[in-house]
Each structure stands twice: as C-alpha cells, then as structure tokens.
Amino acid sequence: CADGQIPGVTKFGRSWVIPDGTEKPQDKRVK
C-alpha cells in the first residue's frame, strides 16, 4: 500500500483500506 502497488488504496486515519474486489498485484521481489 505504501509503495503504491495496490490501486485505489486510501489511508483512513492510521490504517490503510483497500477497495473490495481488488486483484492481487504481481510480486516484484526477486526470489
């Protein structure tokens, strides 16, 4: 959320909220 990888996230107070039905983004970490 902090890196902007999930579209449509909003910070509500001190917590992040994610829109219902959002697809899981691709993991860009090198494994």
PDB file of all heavy atoms in Angstrom:
ATOM      1  N   CYS A   1       0.836  -1.206   0.000  1.00  0.00           N
ATOM      2  CA  CYS A   1       0.000   0.000   0.000  1.00  0.00           C
ATOM      3  C   CYS A   1       0.869   1.253   0.000  1.00  0.00           C
ATOM      4  O   CYS A   1       0.631   2.186  -0.761  1.00  0.00           O
ATOM      5  CB  CYS A   1      -0.915   0.020   1.221  1.00  0.00           C
ATOM      6  SG  CYS A   1      -2.220  -1.209   1.198  1.00  0.00           S
ATOM      7  N   ALA A   2       1.869   1.266   0.860  1.00  0.00           N
ATOM      8  CA  ALA A   2       2.752   2.426   0.974  1.00  0.00           C
ATOM      9  C   ALA A   2       3.550   2.669  -0.302  1.00  0.00           C
ATOM     10  O   ALA A   2       3.840   3.817  -0.652  1.00  0.00           O
ATOM     11  CB  ALA A   2       3.696   2.243   2.154  1.00  0.00           C
ATOM     12  N   ASP A   3       3.889   1.606  -1.009  1.00  0.00           N
ATOM     13  CA  ASP A   3       4.657   1.731  -2.250  1.00  0.00           C
ATOM     14  C   ASP A   3       3.787   2.029  -3.464  1.00  0.00           C
ATOM     15  O   ASP A   3       4.302   2.202  -4.562  1.00  0.00           O
ATOM     16  CB  ASP A   3       5.453   0.445  -2.513  1.00  0.00           C
ATOM     17  CG  ASP A   3       6.577   0.252  -1.518  1.00  0.00           C
ATOM     18  OD1 ASP A   3       6.928   1.224  -0.817  1.00  0.00           O
ATOM     19  OD2 ASP A   3       7.111  -0.874  -1.451  1.00  0.00           O
ATOM     20  N   GLY A   4       2.464   2.046  -3.286  1.00  0.00           N
ATOM     21  CA  GLY A   4       1.558   2.357  -4.383  1.00  0.00           C
ATOM     22  C   GLY A   4       1.340   1.208  -5.348  1.00  0.00           C
ATOM     23  O   GLY A   4       0.957   1.425  -6.495  1.00  0.00           O
ATOM     24  N   GLN A   5       1.558  -0.011  -4.906  1.00  0.00           N
ATOM     25  CA  GLN A   5       1.397  -1.176  -5.782  1.00  0.00           C
ATOM     26  C   GLN A   5      -0.050  -1.634  -5.885  1.00  0.00           C
ATOM     27  O   GLN A   5      -0.399  -2.370  -6.793  1.00  0.00           O
ATOM     28  CB  GLN A   5       2.252  -2.336  -5.268  1.00  0.00           C
ATOM     29  CG  GLN A   5       3.725  -2.081  -5.345  1.00  0.00           C
ATOM     30  CD  GLN A   5       4.535  -3.252  -4.810  1.00  0.00           C
ATOM     31  OE1 GLN A   5       3.982  -4.258  -4.380  1.00  0.00           O
ATOM     32  NE2 GLN A   5       5.842  -3.118  -4.824  1.00  0.00           N
ATOM     33  N   ILE A   6      -0.896  -1.196  -4.956  1.00  0.00           N
ATOM     34  CA  ILE A   6      -2.298  -1.598  -4.963  1.00  0.00           C
ATOM     35  C   ILE A   6      -3.128  -0.374  -5.366  1.00  0.00           C
ATOM     36  O   ILE A   6      -3.121   0.641  -4.664  1.00  0.00           O
ATOM     37  CB  ILE A   6      -2.740  -2.117  -3.583  1.00  0.00           C
ATOM     38  CG1 ILE A   6      -1.852  -3.288  -3.144  1.00  0.00           C
ATOM     39  CG2 ILE A   6      -4.197  -2.541  -3.615  1.00  0.00           C
ATOM     40  CD1 ILE A   6      -2.096  -3.756  -1.732  1.00  0.00           C
ATOM     41  N   PRO A   7      -3.849  -0.450  -6.483  1.00  0.00           N
ATOM     42  CA  PRO A   7      -4.625   0.709  -6.931  1.00  0.00           C
ATOM     43  C   PRO A   7      -5.848   0.956  -6.050  1.00  0.00           C
ATOM     44  O   PRO A   7      -6.489   0.018  -5.581  1.00  0.00           O
ATOM     45  CB  PRO A   7      -5.043   0.320  -8.353  1.00  0.00           C
ATOM     46  CG  PRO A   7      -5.001  -1.161  -8.377  1.00  0.00           C
ATOM     47  CD  PRO A   7      -3.932  -1.572  -7.409  1.00  0.00           C
ATOM     48  N   GLY A   8      -6.144   2.219  -5.805  1.00  0.00           N
ATOM     49  CA  GLY A   8      -7.351   2.598  -5.083  1.00  0.00           C
ATOM     50  C   GLY A   8      -7.261   2.568  -3.576  1.00  0.00           C
ATOM     51  O   GLY A   8      -8.270   2.781  -2.908  1.00  0.00           O
ATOM     52  N   VAL A   9      -6.084   2.321  -3.016  1.00  0.00           N
ATOM     53  CA  VAL A   9      -5.976   2.289  -1.551  1.00  0.00           C
ATOM     54  C   VAL A   9      -6.113   3.696  -0.990  1.00  0.00           C
ATOM     55  O   VAL A   9      -5.768   4.675  -1.634  1.00  0.00           O
ATOM     56  CB  VAL A   9      -4.660   1.652  -1.059  1.00  0.00           C
ATOM     57  CG1 VAL A   9      -4.560   0.221  -1.468  1.00  0.00           C
ATOM     58  CG2 VAL A   9      -3.476   2.432  -1.516  1.00  0.00           C
ATOM     59  N   THR A  10      -6.643   3.762   0.222  1.00  0.00           N
ATOM     60  CA  THR A  10      -6.832   5.032   0.895  1.00  0.00           C
ATOM     61  C   THR A  10      -6.388   4.879   2.336  1.00  0.00           C
ATOM     62  O   THR A  10      -6.553   3.829   2.931  1.00  0.00           O
ATOM     63  CB  THR A  10      -8.329   5.425   0.880  1.00  0.00           C
ATOM     64  OG1 THR A  10      -8.777   5.432  -0.461  1.00  0.00           O
ATOM     65  CG2 THR A  10      -8.547   6.788   1.480  1.00  0.00           C
ATOM     66  N   LYS A  11      -5.812   5.929   2.848  1.00  0.00           N
ATOM     67  CA  LYS A  11      -5.416   5.925   4.250  1.00  0.00           C
ATOM     68  C   LYS A  11      -6.578   6.508   5.056  1.00  0.00           C
ATOM     69  O   LYS A  11      -7.034   7.610   4.799  1.00  0.00           O
ATOM     70  CB  LYS A  11      -4.156   6.746   4.448  1.00  0.00           C
ATOM     71  CG  LYS A  11      -3.489   6.494   5.757  1.00  0.00           C
ATOM     72  CD  LYS A  11      -2.040   6.232   5.556  1.00  0.00           C
ATOM     73  CE  LYS A  11      -1.455   5.803   6.877  1.00  0.00           C
ATOM     74  NZ  LYS A  11      -0.059   5.954   6.957  1.00  0.00           N
ATOM     75  N   PHE A  12      -7.083   5.725   5.985  1.00  0.00           N
ATOM     76  CA  PHE A  12      -8.201   6.133   6.824  1.00  0.00           C
ATOM     77  C   PHE A  12      -7.684   6.219   8.247  1.00  0.00           C
ATOM     78  O   PHE A  12      -7.539   5.199   8.927  1.00  0.00           O
ATOM     79  CB  PHE A  12      -9.338   5.109   6.695  1.00  0.00           C
ATOM     80  CG  PHE A  12     -10.587   5.498   7.423  1.00  0.00           C
ATOM     81  CD1 PHE A  12     -11.365   6.540   6.981  1.00  0.00           C
ATOM     82  CD2 PHE A  12     -10.981   4.800   8.551  1.00  0.00           C
ATOM     83  CE1 PHE A  12     -12.525   6.896   7.647  1.00  0.00           C
ATOM     84  CE2 PHE A  12     -12.130   5.140   9.240  1.00  0.00           C
ATOM     85  CZ  PHE A  12     -12.902   6.187   8.780  1.00  0.00           C
ATOM     86  N   GLY A  13      -7.345   7.414   8.682  1.00  0.00           N
ATOM     87  CA  GLY A  13      -6.700   7.578   9.979  1.00  0.00           C
ATOM     88  C   GLY A  13      -5.269   7.071   9.890  1.00  0.00           C
ATOM     89  O   GLY A  13      -4.497   7.533   9.067  1.00  0.00           O
ATOM     90  N   ARG A  14      -4.936   6.078  10.693  1.00  0.00           N
ATOM     91  CA  ARG A  14      -3.596   5.487  10.638  1.00  0.00           C
ATOM     92  C   ARG A  14      -3.574   4.162   9.905  1.00  0.00           C
ATOM     93  O   ARG A  14      -2.549   3.509   9.828  1.00  0.00           O
ATOM     94  CB  ARG A  14      -3.075   5.273  12.065  1.00  0.00           C
ATOM     95  CG  ARG A  14      -2.809   6.565  12.771  1.00  0.00           C
ATOM     96  CD  ARG A  14      -2.308   6.452  14.174  1.00  0.00           C
ATOM     97  NE  ARG A  14      -2.022   5.122  14.670  1.00  0.00           N
ATOM     98  CZ  ARG A  14      -1.496   4.870  15.834  1.00  0.00           C
ATOM     99  NH1 ARG A  14      -1.206   5.859  16.644  1.00  0.00           N
ATOM    100  NH2 ARG A  14      -1.265   3.639  16.219  1.00  0.00           N
ATOM    101  N   SER A  15      -4.710   3.754   9.364  1.00  0.00           N
ATOM    102  CA  SER A  15      -4.819   2.449   8.706  1.00  0.00           C
ATOM    103  C   SER A  15      -5.094   2.611   7.222  1.00  0.00           C
ATOM    104  O   SER A  15      -5.706   3.580   6.790  1.00  0.00           O
ATOM    105  CB  SER A  15      -5.972   1.655   9.324  1.00  0.00           C
ATOM    106  OG  SER A  15      -5.793   1.501  10.700  1.00  0.00           O
ATOM    107  N   TRP A  16      -4.659   1.625   6.459  1.00  0.00           N
ATOM    108  CA  TRP A  16      -4.960   1.580   5.042  1.00  0.00           C
ATOM    109  C   TRP A  16      -6.259   0.808   4.841  1.00  0.00           C
ATOM    110  O   TRP A  16      -6.528  -0.157   5.545  1.00  0.00           O
ATOM    111  CB  TRP A  16      -3.857   0.846   4.283  1.00  0.00           C
ATOM    112  CG  TRP A  16      -2.553   1.569   4.237  1.00  0.00           C
ATOM    113  CD1 TRP A  16      -1.481   1.347   5.051  1.00  0.00           C
ATOM    114  CD2 TRP A  16      -2.169   2.605   3.346  1.00  0.00           C
ATOM    115  NE1 TRP A  16      -0.454   2.190   4.707  1.00  0.00           N
ATOM    116  CE2 TRP A  16      -0.854   2.969   3.661  1.00  0.00           C
ATOM    117  CE3 TRP A  16      -2.817   3.261   2.307  1.00  0.00           C
ATOM    118  CZ2 TRP A  16      -0.171   3.965   2.969  1.00  0.00           C
ATOM    119  CZ3 TRP A  16      -2.127   4.242   1.619  1.00  0.00           C
ATOM    120  CH2 TRP A  16      -0.833   4.594   1.954  1.00  0.00           C
ATOM    121  N   VAL A  17      -7.055   1.232   3.867  1.00  0.00           N
ATOM    122  CA  VAL A  17      -8.237   0.475   3.461  1.00  0.00           C
ATOM    123  C   VAL A  17      -8.126   0.212   1.968  1.00  0.00           C
ATOM    124  O   VAL A  17      -7.654   1.054   1.207  1.00  0.00           O
ATOM    125  CB  VAL A  17      -9.555   1.202   3.805  1.00  0.00           C
ATOM    126  CG1 VAL A  17      -9.804   1.196   5.296  1.00  0.00           C
ATOM    127  CG2 VAL A  17      -9.591   2.602   3.264  1.00  0.00           C
ATOM    128  N   ILE A  18      -8.535  -0.971   1.562  1.00  0.00           N
ATOM    129  CA  ILE A  18      -8.368  -1.430   0.184  1.00  0.00           C
ATOM    130  C   ILE A  18      -9.759  -1.699  -0.386  1.00  0.00           C
ATOM    131  O   ILE A  18     -10.573  -2.366   0.265  1.00  0.00           O
ATOM    132  CB  ILE A  18      -7.502  -2.705   0.160  1.00  0.00           C
ATOM    133  CG1 ILE A  18      -6.144  -2.399   0.778  1.00  0.00           C
ATOM    134  CG2 ILE A  18      -7.358  -3.237  -1.256  1.00  0.00           C
ATOM    135  CD1 ILE A  18      -5.325  -3.601   1.130  1.00  0.00           C
ATOM    136  N   PRO A  19     -10.045  -1.189  -1.594  1.00  0.00           N
ATOM    137  CA  PRO A  19     -11.366  -1.429  -2.181  1.00  0.00           C
ATOM    138  C   PRO A  19     -11.655  -2.917  -2.318  1.00  0.00           C
ATOM    139  O   PRO A  19     -10.783  -3.711  -2.661  1.00  0.00           O
ATOM    140  CB  PRO A  19     -11.279  -0.768  -3.558  1.00  0.00           C
ATOM    141  CG  PRO A  19     -10.159   0.200  -3.462  1.00  0.00           C
ATOM    142  CD  PRO A  19      -9.206  -0.367  -2.457  1.00  0.00           C
ATOM    143  N   ASP A  20     -12.894  -3.279  -2.057  1.00  0.00           N
ATOM    144  CA  ASP A  20     -13.334  -4.667  -2.161  1.00  0.00           C
ATOM    145  C   ASP A  20     -13.240  -5.112  -3.618  1.00  0.00           C
ATOM    146  O   ASP A  20     -13.606  -4.377  -4.525  1.00  0.00           O
ATOM    147  CB  ASP A  20     -14.778  -4.775  -1.664  1.00  0.00           C
ATOM    148  CG  ASP A  20     -15.214  -6.205  -1.459  1.00  0.00           C
ATOM    149  OD1 ASP A  20     -14.357  -7.093  -1.459  1.00  0.00           O
ATOM    150  OD2 ASP A  20     -16.427  -6.415  -1.281  1.00  0.00           O
ATOM    151  N   GLY A  21     -12.718  -6.303  -3.849  1.00  0.00           N
ATOM    152  CA  GLY A  21     -12.603  -6.841  -5.208  1.00  0.00           C
ATOM    153  C   GLY A  21     -11.311  -6.489  -5.911  1.00  0.00           C
ATOM    154  O   GLY A  21     -11.156  -6.769  -7.098  1.00  0.00           O
ATOM    155  N   THR A  22     -10.372  -5.868  -5.213  1.00  0.00           N
ATOM    156  CA  THR A  22      -9.089  -5.523  -5.811  1.00  0.00           C
ATOM    157  C   THR A  22      -8.279  -6.782  -6.079  1.00  0.00           C
ATOM    158  O   THR A  22      -8.199  -7.669  -5.236  1.00  0.00           O
ATOM    159  CB  THR A  22      -8.286  -4.578  -4.878  1.00  0.00           C
ATOM    160  OG1 THR A  22      -9.066  -3.423  -4.621  1.00  0.00           O
ATOM    161  CG2 THR A  22      -6.971  -4.168  -5.507  1.00  0.00           C
ATOM    162  N   GLU A  23      -7.692  -6.863  -7.251  1.00  0.00           N
ATOM    163  CA  GLU A  23      -6.857  -8.008  -7.635  1.00  0.00           C
ATOM    164  C   GLU A  23      -5.509  -7.928  -6.931  1.00  0.00           C
ATOM    165  O   GLU A  23      -4.976  -6.835  -6.710  1.00  0.00           O
ATOM    166  CB  GLU A  23      -6.628  -8.006  -9.145  1.00  0.00           C
ATOM    167  CG  GLU A  23      -7.885  -8.151  -9.966  1.00  0.00           C
ATOM    168  CD  GLU A  23      -8.325  -9.585 -10.095  1.00  0.00           C
ATOM    169  OE1 GLU A  23      -7.465 -10.476 -10.062  1.00  0.00           O
ATOM    170  OE2 GLU A  23      -9.535  -9.800 -10.204  1.00  0.00           O
ATOM    171  N   LYS A  24      -4.939  -9.076  -6.636  1.00  0.00           N
ATOM    172  CA  LYS A  24      -3.610  -9.136  -6.033  1.00  0.00           C
ATOM    173  C   LYS A  24      -2.575  -8.712  -7.077  1.00  0.00           C
ATOM    174  O   LYS A  24      -2.517  -9.288  -8.164  1.00  0.00           O
ATOM    175  CB  LYS A  24      -3.311 -10.560  -5.559  1.00  0.00           C
ATOM    176  CG  LYS A  24      -1.949 -10.725  -4.926  1.00  0.00           C
ATOM    177  CD  LYS A  24      -1.742 -12.157  -4.481  1.00  0.00           C
ATOM    178  CE  LYS A  24      -0.359 -12.368  -3.922  1.00  0.00           C
ATOM    179  NZ  LYS A  24      -0.135 -13.761  -3.533  1.00  0.00           N
ATOM    180  N   PRO A  25      -1.753  -7.685  -6.777  1.00  0.00           N
ATOM    181  CA  PRO A  25      -0.739  -7.271  -7.740  1.00  0.00           C
ATOM    182  C   PRO A  25       0.386  -8.295  -7.841  1.00  0.00           C
ATOM    183  O   PRO A  25       0.596  -9.114  -6.933  1.00  0.00           O
ATOM    184  CB  PRO A  25      -0.220  -5.944  -7.185  1.00  0.00           C
ATOM    185  CG  PRO A  25      -0.578  -5.956  -5.757  1.00  0.00           C
ATOM    186  CD  PRO A  25      -1.763  -6.846  -5.599  1.00  0.00           C
ATOM    187  N   GLN A  26       1.104  -8.231  -8.929  1.00  0.00           N
ATOM    188  CA  GLN A  26       2.230  -9.147  -9.144  1.00  0.00           C
ATOM    189  C   GLN A  26       3.335  -8.833  -8.152  1.00  0.00           C
ATOM    190  O   GLN A  26       3.648  -7.672  -7.890  1.00  0.00           O
ATOM    191  CB  GLN A  26       2.745  -8.998 -10.562  1.00  0.00           C
ATOM    192  CG  GLN A  26       3.855  -9.948 -10.907  1.00  0.00           C
ATOM    193  CD  GLN A  26       4.330  -9.774 -12.346  1.00  0.00           C
ATOM    194  OE1 GLN A  26       3.888  -8.875 -13.044  1.00  0.00           O
ATOM    195  NE2 GLN A  26       5.218 -10.617 -12.753  1.00  0.00           N
ATOM    196  N   ASP A  27       3.933  -9.869  -7.596  1.00  0.00           N
ATOM    197  CA  ASP A  27       5.027  -9.720  -6.643  1.00  0.00           C
ATOM    198  C   ASP A  27       6.303  -9.429  -7.418  1.00  0.00           C
ATOM    199  O   ASP A  27       6.752 -10.249  -8.213  1.00  0.00           O
ATOM    200  CB  ASP A  27       5.172 -10.999  -5.821  1.00  0.00           C
ATOM    201  CG  ASP A  27       6.086 -10.828  -4.631  1.00  0.00           C
ATOM    202  OD1 ASP A  27       6.670  -9.735  -4.462  1.00  0.00           O
ATOM    203  OD2 ASP A  27       6.219 -11.788  -3.865  1.00  0.00           O
ATOM    204  N   LYS A  28       6.894  -8.253  -7.194  1.00  0.00           N
ATOM    205  CA  LYS A  28       8.068  -7.839  -7.963  1.00  0.00           C
ATOM    206  C   LYS A  28       9.383  -8.103  -7.237  1.00  0.00           C
ATOM    207  O   LYS A  28      10.430  -7.697  -7.699  1.00  0.00           O
ATOM    208  CB  LYS A  28       7.944  -6.352  -8.302  1.00  0.00           C
ATOM    209  CG  LYS A  28       6.763  -6.078  -9.200  1.00  0.00           C
ATOM    210  CD  LYS A  28       6.677  -4.637  -9.570  1.00  0.00           C
ATOM    211  CE  LYS A  28       5.460  -4.415 -10.458  1.00  0.00           C
ATOM    212  NZ  LYS A  28       5.329  -3.019 -10.846  1.00  0.00           N
ATOM    213  N   ARG A  29       9.308  -8.812  -6.096  1.00  0.00           N
ATOM    214  CA  ARG A  29      10.545  -9.122  -5.388  1.00  0.00           C
ATOM    215  C   ARG A  29      11.297 -10.219  -6.137  1.00  0.00           C
ATOM    216  O   ARG A  29      10.702 -11.100  -6.750  1.00  0.00           O
ATOM    217  CB  ARG A  29      10.248  -9.613  -3.969  1.00  0.00           C
ATOM    218  CG  ARG A  29       9.605  -8.568  -3.099  1.00  0.00           C
ATOM    219  CD  ARG A  29       9.263  -9.128  -1.754  1.00  0.00           C
ATOM    220  NE  ARG A  29       8.207 -10.119  -1.906  1.00  0.00           N
ATOM    221  CZ  ARG A  29       7.783 -10.905  -0.930  1.00  0.00           C
ATOM    222  NH1 ARG A  29       8.322 -10.829   0.257  1.00  0.00           N
ATOM    223  NH2 ARG A  29       6.822 -11.767  -1.140  1.00  0.00           N
ATOM    224  N   VAL A  30      12.627 -10.161  -6.084  1.00  0.00           N
ATOM    225  CA  VAL A  30      13.463 -11.168  -6.732  1.00  0.00           C
ATOM    226  C   VAL A  30      13.638 -12.331  -5.772  1.00  0.00           C
ATOM    227  O   VAL A  30      14.161 -12.175  -4.680  1.00  0.00           O
ATOM    228  CB  VAL A  30      14.835 -10.578  -7.121  1.00  0.00           C
ATOM    229  CG1 VAL A  30      15.724 -11.637  -7.708  1.00  0.00           C
ATOM    230  CG2 VAL A  30      14.658  -9.429  -8.089  1.00  0.00           C
ATOM    231  N   LYS A  31      13.162 -13.506  -6.165  1.00  0.00           N
ATOM    232  CA  LYS A  31      13.248 -14.682  -5.308  1.00  0.00           C
ATOM    233  C   LYS A  31      14.106 -15.780  -5.930  1.00  0.00           C
ATOM    234  O   LYS A  31      14.229 -16.847  -5.383  1.00  0.00           O
ATOM    235  CB  LYS A  31      11.845 -15.247  -5.066  1.00  0.00           C
ATOM    236  CG  LYS A  31      10.906 -14.306  -4.390  1.00  0.00           C
ATOM    237  CD  LYS A  31       9.588 -14.994  -4.183  1.00  0.00           C
ATOM    238  CE  LYS A  31       8.492 -14.043  -3.860  1.00  0.00           C
ATOM    239  NZ  LYS A  31       7.199 -14.707  -3.764  1.00  0.00           N
TER     240      LYS A  31
END
